[in-house]
Amino acid sequence: MITISAIRHFPLSEDAALCSDQTLELRIRTRAGEALKVFCYYGDRVSVIDPIPVEEVEMERIGCDGVNDIYGVRIQSPYTRICYYFGLCEKTPEGLSAMTYYSEHGFDPQPIKDRTQFFQYPYLRREDLPSAPDWAKDTVLYHIFPDSFADKRGGLENREFEILGEDGEVSCAKHGGTLKGVTENLPYIKDLGMNCIYLNPVFRSASCHKYDTIDYMEIDPCLGTKDDLVNLVEQAHELGIRVILDGVFNHSGSGFAPFVDVLSKGEASEYADWFYQLRFPLEFQDPPNYEAFAYVKEMPKLNTGNPKVQNYCCEVGRYWIREAGIDGWRLDVANEVDHDFWRAFRKAVRKEKKDALLIAEIWEDATNWLMGDQFDSSMNYQFADICREFFAKESITAEVFDQRINRMYFRYCSATAGVQMNFLDTHDVPRFLEYCKGDLQKMELAAAFLMLFPGIPSVFYGDELGVRGRTEDEYRQIMPWNRKKPRLFAVYRDLAKLRGEKEILRRGTFRSLWTDEAFAKMGEELMKNKKGYGFFRELDGHRVIALFNAGDEPISFSYPKNIEPSLWYGSSVDCIGAGSFAVVGID
């Protein structure tokens, strides 16, 4: 029996999304484990023929999240207006069961005739395509915490100091990294295979982390000058490396001139409405009596619904693109800022630079921010969590890992999933190698998964050298420039190079190995020890397989007949050693 209550499809969502102005991606979810055949019937929603002619196409099972099987199909159609419904039948020992049809009006034993009852995709408009810049798909990010990185080529003096501004505000450095230091080490970043740098905040701030902005239009003097940033971007561009800055518009620092004015004048300040839900008299203490980031009194929350604040921040976004030539923004605490602000910010930035990339810091599902009108991408903390459980802690099996990866990937349409900012760690969480308890082989496996999975892989500075750290001071430690490069460095470098050479590894979609019936036996052989895993990347009818063995014993397996595997990376196409991985072409 087909479990009707488990069937799910939401039109105009990740279940029905444009891939191009002539290609529509459709998905439907059914109860996991039920042996079904699923079909899609579609036609021209404004056809002059009634009932409208429909074309039948069989959908493929493309994933399973442990609760639902996910079926998908891509329709390339001459129609600009599409309506569609689904048909499902069960595979039994006696053959196929009777068909059940599913449309906007629910379930029916007969094919749907009335087009008004079909699911509708009103118009395939190119303006509704996911609008991440094309270069995002080819990006490998190198994430730098400026204070901890470098002040010269291959080194950092590691000195703590303060600089007093003319306005009496103090800027602090903990380790003394500079923008010039980043520039001096661009050849290192290039050699590692990275083609984009994401810098944590560089604007004038009180702290060494720079998330408490004093002046959005000035570079922090501890890090350098505006000219230093301009030079960094210019030299990076010459090497084919883009640069993304960190924008903090949810809150400012307490030294931000408008907030200083409010602290001085109270309700009489012309900037009183620049901040969110102030209560007078202000109590500048811990915790404050006004809205702030995480109850930090030095980080008062901006009122981004105020047009004056919105215009100011939008000008900041435009200014640094115009003046320094940066390529995009990572935006802090994006889910605590109103949506209209981000829509305005996107329009302003894209007017200045049509292919600027916008990445949201959102730790959970970011669907509401990834509808095409606000952000292109978000920081994928769920990716890091799942990898930590499987590769580092070994607390879940390959089957559970696969289910969680599928749930994560298929929460977005494939175009959006393909530009998510994936990572193992950042400046806000312990280093991944710490969870591995220093086991570099585990780290290598996780790094390989990061580099081969769809999305924008992001490498936090020093990960490639085996940096560990659980506390904030530890995971933001100075770059160990004098450390001998471990094999891990080569894993990142070699797979970055392989991504650059193979378009399928940059732009191909994801599919678990076992979802293809021809590869089901191979998938079983790979996962029988509960530590083996594999997935396809697919592009234009071509396929490549990424294979991983997180266990302690080698895993051998066989390929379907007529498949001639070719080794792209690793030591063998049909045996993966303990703690190893391989990349195999199967065309």
Protein backbone atom coordinates (compact mmCIF):
# COMPACT_ATOMS: atom_id res chain seq x y z
CA MET A 1 0.00 0.00 0.00
CA ILE A 2 1.13 3.50 -0.80
CA THR A 3 1.22 5.65 2.34
CA ILE A 4 -0.82 8.57 1.08
CA SER A 5 -0.23 10.67 4.22
CA ALA A 6 3.53 10.67 3.58
CA ILE A 7 3.35 12.12 0.07
CA ARG A 8 4.44 15.75 -0.12
CA HIS A 9 4.98 18.36 -2.80
CA PHE A 10 4.94 22.13 -2.41
CA PRO A 11 4.72 24.14 -5.63
CA LEU A 12 6.89 27.25 -6.04
CA SER A 13 9.41 25.97 -3.48
CA GLU A 14 12.51 23.78 -3.53
CA ASP A 15 10.12 21.12 -4.89
CA ALA A 16 9.48 23.15 -8.06
CA ALA A 17 12.37 25.40 -9.01
CA LEU A 18 13.95 26.80 -12.15
CA CYS A 19 17.35 25.52 -13.27
CA SER A 20 17.30 27.64 -16.43
CA ASP A 21 14.66 29.65 -18.25
CA GLN A 22 13.63 26.44 -20.02
CA THR A 23 14.30 23.83 -17.33
CA LEU A 24 12.11 23.14 -14.31
CA GLU A 25 13.27 20.87 -11.48
CA LEU A 26 10.43 18.98 -9.78
CA ARG A 27 10.54 16.83 -6.65
CA ILE A 28 8.07 14.80 -4.66
CA ARG A 29 8.53 13.01 -1.35
CA THR A 30 7.07 9.63 -0.39
CA ARG A 31 7.40 7.35 2.61
CA ALA A 32 10.95 5.98 2.90
CA GLY A 33 11.41 2.40 1.82
CA GLU A 34 8.23 1.94 -0.17
CA ALA A 35 8.95 0.38 -3.57
CA LEU A 36 7.31 2.82 -5.93
CA LYS A 37 7.36 4.02 -9.49
CA VAL A 38 6.62 7.72 -9.74
CA PHE A 39 5.65 9.67 -12.83
CA CYS A 40 5.15 13.32 -13.65
CA TYR A 41 2.55 14.49 -16.16
CA TYR A 42 2.95 18.00 -17.48
CA GLY A 43 1.60 20.26 -20.17
CA ASP A 44 1.01 23.81 -21.37
CA ARG A 45 -1.26 25.48 -18.81
CA VAL A 46 -2.72 27.83 -21.47
CA SER A 47 -3.07 25.25 -24.22
CA VAL A 48 -5.98 25.91 -26.61
CA ILE A 49 -6.80 22.19 -26.47
CA ASP A 50 -9.07 21.01 -23.67
CA PRO A 51 -8.39 18.76 -21.88
CA ILE A 52 -4.78 19.70 -22.39
CA PRO A 53 -2.32 17.14 -23.78
CA VAL A 54 0.22 15.99 -21.18
CA GLU A 55 3.59 14.34 -21.47
CA GLU A 56 4.58 11.52 -19.12
CA VAL A 57 8.08 11.27 -17.67
CA GLU A 58 9.28 8.81 -15.04
CA MET A 59 10.91 10.35 -11.99
CA GLU A 60 14.05 8.92 -10.37
CA ARG A 61 14.62 8.28 -6.70
CA ILE A 62 17.39 10.76 -5.94
CA GLY A 63 17.64 10.60 -2.15
CA CYS A 64 16.30 9.51 1.22
CA ASP A 65 16.39 11.46 4.47
CA GLY A 66 15.32 8.54 6.67
CA VAL A 67 11.68 9.64 6.70
CA ASN A 68 11.01 10.29 3.02
CA ASP A 69 12.28 8.99 -0.27
CA ILE A 70 12.83 11.88 -2.65
CA TYR A 71 12.01 11.56 -6.34
CA GLY A 72 13.08 14.12 -8.89
CA VAL A 73 13.02 15.02 -12.56
CA ARG A 74 14.18 17.91 -14.70
CA ILE A 75 11.75 19.00 -17.38
CA GLN A 76 13.13 20.78 -20.40
CA SER A 77 10.06 22.21 -22.04
CA PRO A 78 9.16 24.61 -24.84
CA TYR A 79 6.30 25.82 -22.66
CA THR A 80 6.72 29.02 -20.68
CA ARG A 81 3.68 28.17 -18.53
CA ILE A 82 3.56 24.69 -17.05
CA CYS A 83 0.98 22.74 -15.11
CA TYR A 84 1.64 19.25 -13.80
CA TYR A 85 0.54 16.42 -11.53
CA PHE A 86 2.01 13.13 -10.34
CA GLY A 87 1.18 9.46 -10.62
CA LEU A 88 2.40 6.83 -8.16
CA CYS A 89 2.14 3.05 -8.18
CA GLU A 90 3.62 0.32 -6.02
CA LYS A 91 5.97 -2.37 -7.29
CA THR A 92 4.75 -5.75 -5.99
CA PRO A 93 5.70 -9.38 -6.75
CA GLU A 94 2.59 -9.53 -8.94
CA GLY A 95 3.56 -6.39 -10.85
CA LEU A 96 2.58 -2.75 -10.59
CA SER A 97 -0.39 -1.71 -8.47
CA ALA A 98 -3.12 0.59 -9.70
CA MET A 99 -2.00 4.18 -10.20
CA THR A 100 -2.78 6.89 -7.67
CA TYR A 101 -2.73 10.44 -9.02
CA TYR A 102 -1.75 13.47 -6.96
CA SER A 103 -2.59 17.08 -7.81
CA GLU A 104 -3.40 20.41 -6.18
CA HIS A 105 -6.80 18.98 -5.27
CA GLY A 106 -5.42 15.89 -3.57
CA PHE A 107 -5.52 12.22 -4.62
CA ASP A 108 -7.56 10.54 -7.33
CA PRO A 109 -7.71 7.05 -8.88
CA GLN A 110 -8.13 8.56 -12.34
CA PRO A 111 -5.82 10.81 -14.40
CA ILE A 112 -6.51 14.49 -13.85
CA LYS A 113 -8.37 16.18 -16.70
CA ASP A 114 -9.19 19.63 -15.36
CA ARG A 115 -6.07 21.80 -15.73
CA THR A 116 -7.22 24.05 -12.89
CA GLN A 117 -6.63 21.11 -10.55
CA PHE A 118 -3.01 20.65 -11.66
CA PHE A 119 -0.07 22.04 -9.74
CA GLN A 120 0.91 25.28 -11.44
CA TYR A 121 4.18 26.93 -12.38
CA PRO A 122 2.73 30.18 -13.72
CA TYR A 123 5.66 31.33 -15.88
CA LEU A 124 9.27 30.29 -16.39
CA ARG A 125 10.79 33.75 -16.01
CA ARG A 126 14.54 34.21 -16.19
CA GLU A 127 14.20 36.91 -13.50
CA ASP A 128 13.14 34.17 -11.05
CA LEU A 129 16.25 32.06 -11.58
CA PRO A 130 18.55 31.73 -8.56
CA SER A 131 20.85 34.67 -9.17
CA ALA A 132 24.13 33.75 -7.50
CA PRO A 133 27.00 34.97 -9.68
CA ASP A 134 28.24 32.29 -12.02
CA TRP A 135 31.74 32.41 -10.51
CA ALA A 136 30.40 31.28 -7.13
CA LYS A 137 30.10 27.69 -8.41
CA ASP A 138 33.83 27.63 -9.14
CA THR A 139 34.92 29.13 -5.83
CA VAL A 140 37.13 27.67 -3.11
CA LEU A 141 37.22 30.04 -0.13
CA TYR A 142 40.13 30.69 2.19
CA HIS A 143 38.74 32.15 5.42
CA ILE A 144 41.11 34.50 7.27
CA PHE A 145 40.86 35.98 10.76
CA PRO A 146 43.08 39.00 10.02
CA ASP A 147 44.51 39.65 13.49
CA SER A 148 45.86 36.08 13.67
CA PHE A 149 47.12 35.50 10.14
CA ALA A 150 50.30 37.40 9.17
CA ASP A 151 52.12 40.74 9.24
CA LYS A 152 54.82 39.69 6.76
CA ARG A 153 55.50 36.93 4.28
CA GLY A 154 55.37 33.60 6.06
CA GLY A 155 55.18 35.05 9.54
CA LEU A 156 53.48 36.98 12.32
CA GLU A 157 55.38 38.82 15.04
CA ASN A 158 52.56 38.17 17.53
CA ARG A 159 52.31 41.43 19.44
CA GLU A 160 49.41 42.91 21.37
CA PHE A 161 48.82 46.67 21.16
CA GLU A 162 46.25 49.48 21.11
CA ILE A 163 45.79 52.56 18.96
CA LEU A 164 43.98 55.63 20.34
CA GLY A 165 41.88 57.51 17.80
CA GLU A 166 41.40 61.27 17.67
CA ASP A 167 37.84 60.77 18.90
CA GLY A 168 39.08 58.97 22.00
CA GLU A 169 38.02 55.52 20.81
CA VAL A 170 40.59 52.71 21.14
CA SER A 171 41.29 49.93 18.62
CA CYS A 172 42.93 46.73 19.82
CA ALA A 173 45.14 44.04 18.32
CA LYS A 174 45.75 40.71 20.04
CA HIS A 175 48.31 39.20 17.65
CA GLY A 176 49.05 42.01 15.20
CA GLY A 177 48.04 40.53 11.84
CA THR A 178 47.59 43.08 9.05
CA LEU A 179 46.14 43.49 5.59
CA LYS A 180 49.69 43.85 4.26
CA GLY A 181 50.40 40.48 5.82
CA VAL A 182 47.55 38.94 3.85
CA THR A 183 48.85 40.55 0.65
CA GLU A 184 52.36 39.25 1.30
CA ASN A 185 51.00 35.71 1.53
CA LEU A 186 48.79 35.67 -1.54
CA PRO A 187 51.27 33.28 -3.27
CA TYR A 188 50.77 30.79 -0.41
CA ILE A 189 46.99 31.03 -0.77
CA LYS A 190 47.29 30.62 -4.53
CA ASP A 191 49.54 27.57 -4.13
CA LEU A 192 46.98 25.98 -1.84
CA GLY A 193 44.46 26.22 -4.68
CA MET A 194 42.19 28.84 -3.15
CA ASN A 195 40.61 31.39 -5.50
CA CYS A 196 38.66 33.57 -3.07
CA ILE A 197 39.47 35.09 0.33
CA TYR A 198 36.86 35.77 2.99
CA LEU A 199 38.14 38.24 5.58
CA ASN A 200 36.56 38.61 8.99
CA PRO A 201 35.76 42.31 9.74
CA VAL A 202 38.42 44.85 8.86
CA PHE A 203 36.66 48.11 9.76
CA ARG A 204 37.61 50.33 12.68
CA SER A 205 36.50 48.62 15.87
CA ALA A 206 37.36 48.39 19.54
CA SER A 207 38.11 44.67 19.78
CA CYS A 208 40.58 42.42 18.00
CA HIS A 209 37.70 40.47 16.41
CA LYS A 210 36.29 43.71 14.87
CA TYR A 211 32.60 42.80 15.22
CA ASP A 212 31.97 45.98 17.28
CA THR A 213 32.28 48.57 14.53
CA ILE A 214 33.26 52.15 15.38
CA ASP A 215 33.44 53.42 11.79
CA TYR A 216 32.22 51.46 8.76
CA MET A 217 34.03 53.80 6.36
CA GLU A 218 37.52 53.34 7.85
CA ILE A 219 39.89 50.38 7.96
CA ASP A 220 40.92 49.51 11.50
CA PRO A 221 44.33 51.12 12.13
CA CYS A 222 45.60 47.93 13.76
CA LEU A 223 45.05 46.15 10.44
CA GLY A 224 46.25 48.90 8.11
CA THR A 225 44.74 51.50 5.82
CA LYS A 226 42.26 51.85 3.01
CA ASP A 227 45.18 51.82 0.58
CA ASP A 228 46.30 48.50 2.06
CA LEU A 229 42.89 46.99 1.32
CA VAL A 230 42.85 48.41 -2.20
CA ASN A 231 46.32 46.98 -2.83
CA LEU A 232 45.31 43.60 -1.39
CA VAL A 233 42.31 43.36 -3.69
CA GLU A 234 44.28 44.48 -6.73
CA GLN A 235 47.06 41.98 -6.18
CA ALA A 236 44.60 39.21 -5.36
CA HIS A 237 42.71 39.88 -8.59
CA GLU A 238 45.96 39.68 -10.55
CA LEU A 239 46.37 36.14 -9.19
CA GLY A 240 42.76 35.20 -9.97
CA ILE A 241 41.70 35.45 -6.32
CA ARG A 242 38.53 37.28 -5.33
CA VAL A 243 37.99 39.01 -1.97
CA ILE A 244 34.88 39.04 0.22
CA LEU A 245 34.48 41.25 3.29
CA ASP A 246 32.47 40.71 6.47
CA GLY A 247 29.62 43.18 7.02
CA VAL A 248 28.13 43.69 10.48
CA PHE A 249 24.81 45.54 10.19
CA ASN A 250 22.75 43.79 12.85
CA HIS A 251 24.60 45.83 15.44
CA SER A 252 27.37 48.36 15.76
CA GLY A 253 29.98 48.94 18.41
CA SER A 254 29.37 51.22 21.39
CA GLY A 255 31.98 53.56 19.91
CA PHE A 256 29.91 54.09 16.75
CA ALA A 257 29.35 57.87 16.59
CA PRO A 258 25.51 57.69 16.51
CA PHE A 259 25.47 55.49 19.63
CA VAL A 260 27.99 57.72 21.40
CA ASP A 261 25.59 60.58 20.69
CA VAL A 262 22.69 58.61 22.16
CA LEU A 263 24.69 57.75 25.26
CA SER A 264 25.44 61.46 25.68
CA LYS A 265 22.06 62.99 24.85
CA GLY A 266 19.57 60.23 25.56
CA GLU A 267 16.15 60.60 23.97
CA ALA A 268 17.12 64.04 22.64
CA SER A 269 19.71 62.51 20.30
CA GLU A 270 18.89 62.71 16.61
CA TYR A 271 20.12 59.12 16.43
CA ALA A 272 17.80 57.72 19.09
CA ASP A 273 15.80 55.89 16.41
CA TRP A 274 18.94 54.43 14.80
CA PHE A 275 18.91 51.67 17.43
CA TYR A 276 16.35 49.00 18.12
CA GLN A 277 14.05 49.33 21.14
CA LEU A 278 16.14 51.61 23.30
CA ARG A 279 14.90 52.16 26.83
CA PHE A 280 15.70 55.44 28.50
CA PRO A 281 17.63 56.22 30.49
CA LEU A 282 20.13 53.83 28.90
CA GLU A 283 21.92 51.50 31.29
CA PHE A 284 25.33 50.80 29.77
CA GLN A 285 26.05 47.71 31.86
CA ASP A 286 25.98 43.92 31.71
CA PRO A 287 23.33 43.06 30.75
CA PRO A 288 22.17 46.34 29.16
CA ASN A 289 18.56 47.53 29.27
CA TYR A 290 18.51 47.91 25.49
CA GLU A 291 18.58 45.45 22.60
CA ALA A 292 22.08 44.26 21.73
CA PHE A 293 23.78 41.30 20.13
CA ALA A 294 23.67 38.46 22.66
CA TYR A 295 23.26 40.94 25.58
CA VAL A 296 26.69 42.45 24.90
CA LYS A 297 26.46 46.10 25.92
CA GLU A 298 29.21 47.09 23.48
CA MET A 299 27.12 45.81 20.53
CA PRO A 300 23.85 47.80 20.41
CA LYS A 301 21.35 46.50 17.86
CA LEU A 302 20.77 48.74 14.85
CA ASN A 303 17.24 49.66 13.80
CA THR A 304 17.54 48.45 10.21
CA GLY A 305 13.86 49.26 9.63
CA ASN A 306 14.77 52.95 9.83
CA PRO A 307 15.26 54.27 6.26
CA LYS A 308 18.19 56.43 7.41
CA VAL A 309 20.00 53.39 8.85
CA GLN A 310 19.14 51.37 5.77
CA ASN A 311 20.51 54.04 3.44
CA TYR A 312 23.69 54.37 5.50
CA CYS A 313 24.38 50.63 5.48
CA CYS A 314 23.57 50.29 1.79
CA GLU A 315 26.08 53.04 1.09
CA VAL A 316 28.68 51.10 3.10
CA GLY A 317 27.97 48.07 0.90
CA ARG A 318 28.39 50.11 -2.26
CA TYR A 319 31.37 52.14 -1.00
CA TRP A 320 33.80 49.27 -0.50
CA ILE A 321 32.90 47.71 -3.83
CA ARG A 322 33.40 51.06 -5.53
CA GLU A 323 36.54 52.12 -3.65
CA ALA A 324 38.33 48.83 -3.11
CA GLY A 325 36.86 46.56 -5.79
CA ILE A 326 35.76 43.81 -3.39
CA ASP A 327 33.71 40.95 -4.83
CA GLY A 328 31.03 40.43 -2.24
CA TRP A 329 29.91 40.37 1.37
CA ARG A 330 29.42 37.84 4.11
CA LEU A 331 26.73 39.38 6.34
CA ASP A 332 26.78 38.79 10.08
CA VAL A 333 23.73 37.66 12.13
CA ALA A 334 21.61 37.87 8.97
CA ASN A 335 18.58 36.16 10.49
CA GLU A 336 18.11 38.87 13.14
CA VAL A 337 17.82 41.64 10.53
CA ASP A 338 14.54 42.44 8.77
CA HIS A 339 14.03 41.01 5.29
CA ASP A 340 13.30 44.37 3.65
CA PHE A 341 16.71 45.62 4.74
CA TRP A 342 18.43 42.73 2.98
CA ARG A 343 16.34 43.26 -0.14
CA ALA A 344 17.44 46.89 -0.22
CA PHE A 345 21.05 45.95 0.51
CA ARG A 346 21.08 43.41 -2.31
CA LYS A 347 19.70 45.91 -4.81
CA ALA A 348 22.22 48.53 -3.76
CA VAL A 349 25.22 46.20 -3.94
CA ARG A 350 24.15 44.57 -7.21
CA LYS A 351 23.66 48.02 -8.74
CA GLU A 352 27.30 48.72 -7.93
CA LYS A 353 28.56 45.28 -9.02
CA LYS A 354 26.27 42.93 -10.92
CA ASP A 355 28.11 39.77 -9.90
CA ALA A 356 28.73 40.54 -6.22
CA LEU A 357 28.24 37.50 -3.99
CA LEU A 358 26.13 37.77 -0.81
CA ILE A 359 26.51 35.12 1.90
CA ALA A 360 24.33 35.07 5.02
CA GLU A 361 25.51 33.99 8.44
CA ILE A 362 22.59 31.76 9.39
CA TRP A 363 23.25 28.66 11.48
CA GLU A 364 19.99 26.87 10.68
CA ASP A 365 17.72 26.43 7.65
CA ALA A 366 18.03 29.61 5.59
CA THR A 367 15.22 29.03 3.09
CA ASN A 368 13.43 32.31 3.85
CA TRP A 369 16.62 34.24 3.07
CA LEU A 370 17.48 32.27 -0.09
CA MET A 371 14.46 33.02 -2.25
CA GLY A 372 16.49 35.04 -4.74
CA ASP A 373 15.68 38.49 -3.36
CA GLN A 374 18.13 38.64 -0.44
CA PHE A 375 21.10 36.24 -0.37
CA ASP A 376 22.85 33.91 -2.79
CA SER A 377 24.28 31.58 -0.17
CA SER A 378 24.43 30.91 3.56
CA MET A 379 26.99 29.51 5.96
CA ASN A 380 26.20 25.80 6.17
CA TYR A 381 26.79 24.95 9.82
CA GLN A 382 24.72 21.80 9.43
CA PHE A 383 27.35 20.49 7.01
CA ALA A 384 30.03 20.90 9.69
CA ASP A 385 27.83 19.25 12.33
CA ILE A 386 27.13 16.17 10.20
CA CYS A 387 30.77 15.75 9.19
CA ARG A 388 31.83 16.09 12.81
CA GLU A 389 29.52 13.27 13.88
CA PHE A 390 30.61 10.85 11.13
CA PHE A 391 34.28 11.56 10.42
CA ALA A 392 35.53 12.96 13.75
CA LYS A 393 33.41 11.53 16.56
CA GLU A 394 32.32 8.36 14.72
CA SER A 395 29.00 8.64 16.55
CA ILE A 396 26.75 7.82 13.57
CA THR A 397 26.77 5.12 10.90
CA ALA A 398 27.19 5.72 7.18
CA GLU A 399 23.45 5.14 6.74
CA VAL A 400 22.54 7.87 9.22
CA PHE A 401 25.23 10.13 7.74
CA ASP A 402 23.69 9.64 4.31
CA GLN A 403 20.20 10.42 5.58
CA ARG A 404 21.33 13.63 7.25
CA ILE A 405 23.35 14.74 4.23
CA ASN A 406 20.31 14.14 2.03
CA ARG A 407 18.04 16.09 4.37
CA MET A 408 20.53 18.97 4.34
CA TYR A 409 21.10 19.00 0.58
CA PHE A 410 17.48 18.64 -0.53
CA ARG A 411 16.12 21.38 1.74
CA TYR A 412 17.11 23.75 -1.10
CA CYS A 413 16.75 23.50 -4.86
CA SER A 414 19.92 22.15 -6.47
CA ALA A 415 20.94 25.58 -7.85
CA THR A 416 20.91 27.04 -4.33
CA ALA A 417 22.42 23.95 -2.69
CA GLY A 418 25.26 24.19 -5.21
CA VAL A 419 26.49 27.51 -3.81
CA GLN A 420 26.13 26.96 -0.07
CA MET A 421 29.22 27.93 1.93
CA ASN A 422 30.33 24.57 3.33
CA PHE A 423 33.06 24.27 5.97
CA LEU A 424 34.42 22.11 8.77
CA ASP A 425 35.05 25.00 11.17
CA THR A 426 35.07 28.79 11.42
CA HIS A 427 36.14 31.58 13.77
CA ASP A 428 33.09 30.82 15.96
CA VAL A 429 33.53 27.09 16.67
CA PRO A 430 36.31 24.72 17.77
CA ARG A 431 38.66 23.45 15.10
CA PHE A 432 37.54 20.26 13.40
CA LEU A 433 40.86 18.57 14.16
CA GLU A 434 40.14 19.09 17.85
CA TYR A 435 37.06 16.88 17.50
CA CYS A 436 39.27 14.38 15.66
CA LYS A 437 41.54 14.39 18.75
CA GLY A 438 44.43 15.26 16.50
CA ASP A 439 43.89 12.35 14.11
CA LEU A 440 45.00 13.82 10.78
CA GLN A 441 43.67 10.86 8.80
CA LYS A 442 40.14 11.63 9.98
CA MET A 443 40.69 15.26 9.10
CA GLU A 444 41.89 14.28 5.62
CA LEU A 445 38.70 12.30 4.98
CA ALA A 446 36.50 15.17 6.12
CA ALA A 447 38.54 17.65 4.06
CA ALA A 448 38.11 15.45 0.99
CA PHE A 449 34.35 15.28 1.55
CA LEU A 450 34.28 19.08 1.87
CA MET A 451 36.19 19.57 -1.38
CA LEU A 452 34.15 17.04 -3.37
CA PHE A 453 30.62 17.83 -2.15
CA PRO A 454 28.44 20.39 -4.02
CA GLY A 455 28.81 23.93 -2.75
CA ILE A 456 31.52 26.46 -1.98
CA PRO A 457 34.17 24.75 0.18
CA SER A 458 35.63 27.11 2.78
CA VAL A 459 38.95 26.42 4.52
CA PHE A 460 39.64 28.28 7.77
CA TYR A 461 43.23 29.52 7.85
CA GLY A 462 45.61 26.94 9.32
CA ASP A 463 43.29 23.96 8.90
CA GLU A 464 45.56 22.83 6.08
CA LEU A 465 48.48 22.83 8.55
CA GLY A 466 46.67 20.86 11.23
CA VAL A 467 45.67 23.65 13.63
CA ARG A 468 43.71 22.47 16.68
CA GLY A 469 41.81 24.43 19.30
CA ARG A 470 38.71 24.20 21.51
CA THR A 471 38.55 27.62 23.17
CA GLU A 472 38.25 30.93 21.35
CA ASP A 473 41.87 31.84 21.99
CA GLU A 474 42.95 28.43 20.70
CA TYR A 475 40.91 28.24 17.51
CA ARG A 476 41.81 31.86 16.67
CA GLN A 477 45.50 31.23 17.36
CA ILE A 478 48.26 32.66 15.19
CA MET A 479 48.96 30.98 11.88
CA PRO A 480 51.75 28.37 12.44
CA TRP A 481 53.86 29.50 9.50
CA ASN A 482 56.92 27.50 10.53
CA ARG A 483 55.09 24.20 10.86
CA LYS A 484 56.03 21.47 8.37
CA LYS A 485 53.20 20.95 5.90
CA PRO A 486 51.39 17.69 6.67
CA ARG A 487 49.82 15.43 4.02
CA LEU A 488 46.58 17.26 4.79
CA PHE A 489 47.95 20.31 2.98
CA ALA A 490 48.34 18.21 -0.18
CA VAL A 491 44.80 16.87 0.14
CA TYR A 492 43.38 20.39 0.08
CA ARG A 493 45.77 21.53 -2.67
CA ASP A 494 45.31 18.48 -4.91
CA LEU A 495 41.52 18.40 -4.64
CA ALA A 496 41.30 22.15 -5.24
CA LYS A 497 43.32 21.55 -8.40
CA LEU A 498 41.09 18.62 -9.38
CA ARG A 499 37.98 20.78 -8.88
CA GLY A 500 39.52 23.38 -11.15
CA GLU A 501 40.18 20.80 -13.86
CA LYS A 502 36.85 18.96 -13.65
CA GLU A 503 33.73 21.03 -14.16
CA ILE A 504 31.57 18.19 -12.83
CA LEU A 505 33.18 18.61 -9.38
CA ARG A 506 32.26 22.30 -9.35
CA ARG A 507 28.86 22.29 -10.96
CA GLY A 508 27.50 18.75 -10.79
CA THR A 509 24.51 17.83 -8.65
CA PHE A 510 24.58 15.33 -5.77
CA ARG A 511 23.05 11.88 -5.52
CA SER A 512 23.74 9.07 -3.06
CA LEU A 513 25.33 6.04 -4.68
CA TRP A 514 22.67 3.56 -3.58
CA THR A 515 19.79 5.49 -5.20
CA ASP A 516 20.77 4.16 -8.64
CA GLU A 517 19.52 0.56 -8.85
CA ALA A 518 22.47 -0.39 -11.06
CA PHE A 519 24.84 0.64 -8.26
CA ALA A 520 22.75 -0.74 -5.38
CA LYS A 521 24.99 -3.79 -4.86
CA MET A 522 28.11 -1.61 -4.91
CA GLY A 523 26.47 0.69 -2.37
CA GLU A 524 25.68 -2.25 -0.09
CA GLU A 525 29.26 -3.51 -0.31
CA LEU A 526 30.58 -0.07 0.49
CA MET A 527 28.30 0.51 3.50
CA LYS A 528 28.27 -2.98 5.01
CA ASN A 529 30.85 -2.07 7.65
CA LYS A 530 28.81 1.06 8.48
CA LYS A 531 31.81 3.29 7.73
CA GLY A 532 31.91 3.30 3.93
CA TYR A 533 30.13 5.92 1.87
CA GLY A 534 29.82 7.06 -1.72
CA PHE A 535 27.99 9.60 -3.83
CA PHE A 536 27.66 10.72 -7.43
CA ARG A 537 28.29 14.13 -8.92
CA GLU A 538 26.24 14.41 -12.12
CA LEU A 539 26.46 16.95 -14.95
CA ASP A 540 25.10 16.82 -18.49
CA GLY A 541 24.77 13.04 -18.46
CA HIS A 542 28.26 12.47 -17.04
CA ARG A 543 29.06 11.00 -13.63
CA VAL A 544 31.89 10.77 -11.16
CA ILE A 545 31.85 8.89 -7.84
CA ALA A 546 33.44 10.02 -4.57
CA LEU A 547 34.19 7.06 -2.26
CA PHE A 548 35.11 7.17 1.44
CA ASN A 549 36.17 4.59 3.99
CA ALA A 550 36.07 5.90 7.56
CA GLY A 551 36.61 2.41 8.99
CA ASP A 552 39.63 0.42 10.11
CA GLU A 553 39.57 -2.22 7.35
CA PRO A 554 39.82 -1.96 3.54
CA ILE A 555 36.55 -2.14 1.59
CA SER A 556 36.38 -3.97 -1.75
CA PHE A 557 33.45 -3.74 -4.16
CA SER A 558 32.48 -4.38 -7.74
CA TYR A 559 31.01 -2.08 -10.38
CA PRO A 560 27.95 -2.77 -12.52
CA LYS A 561 28.57 -4.48 -15.86
CA ASN A 562 29.58 -2.23 -18.75
CA ILE A 563 31.11 0.34 -16.37
CA GLU A 564 34.78 1.04 -16.96
CA PRO A 565 35.97 3.06 -13.94
CA SER A 566 38.91 5.44 -14.25
CA LEU A 567 40.85 6.63 -11.22
CA TRP A 568 40.90 10.42 -10.82
CA TYR A 569 42.35 10.45 -7.31
CA GLY A 570 43.34 7.73 -4.83
CA SER A 571 45.08 4.38 -5.10
CA SER A 572 42.42 1.98 -6.44
CA VAL A 573 39.05 2.03 -8.17
CA ASP A 574 37.66 -1.09 -6.44
CA CYS A 575 39.31 -1.17 -3.02
CA ILE A 576 39.36 1.73 -0.59
CA GLY A 577 41.92 1.40 2.18
CA ALA A 578 41.16 2.16 5.82
CA GLY A 579 40.83 5.88 6.38
CA SER A 580 41.13 6.59 2.66
CA PHE A 581 39.07 8.01 -0.21
CA ALA A 582 39.02 7.91 -4.00
CA VAL A 583 37.49 9.81 -6.89
CA VAL A 584 36.43 7.62 -9.79
CA GLY A 585 35.14 8.59 -13.22
CA ILE A 586 32.58 6.14 -14.62
CA ASP A 587 31.81 7.45 -18.12
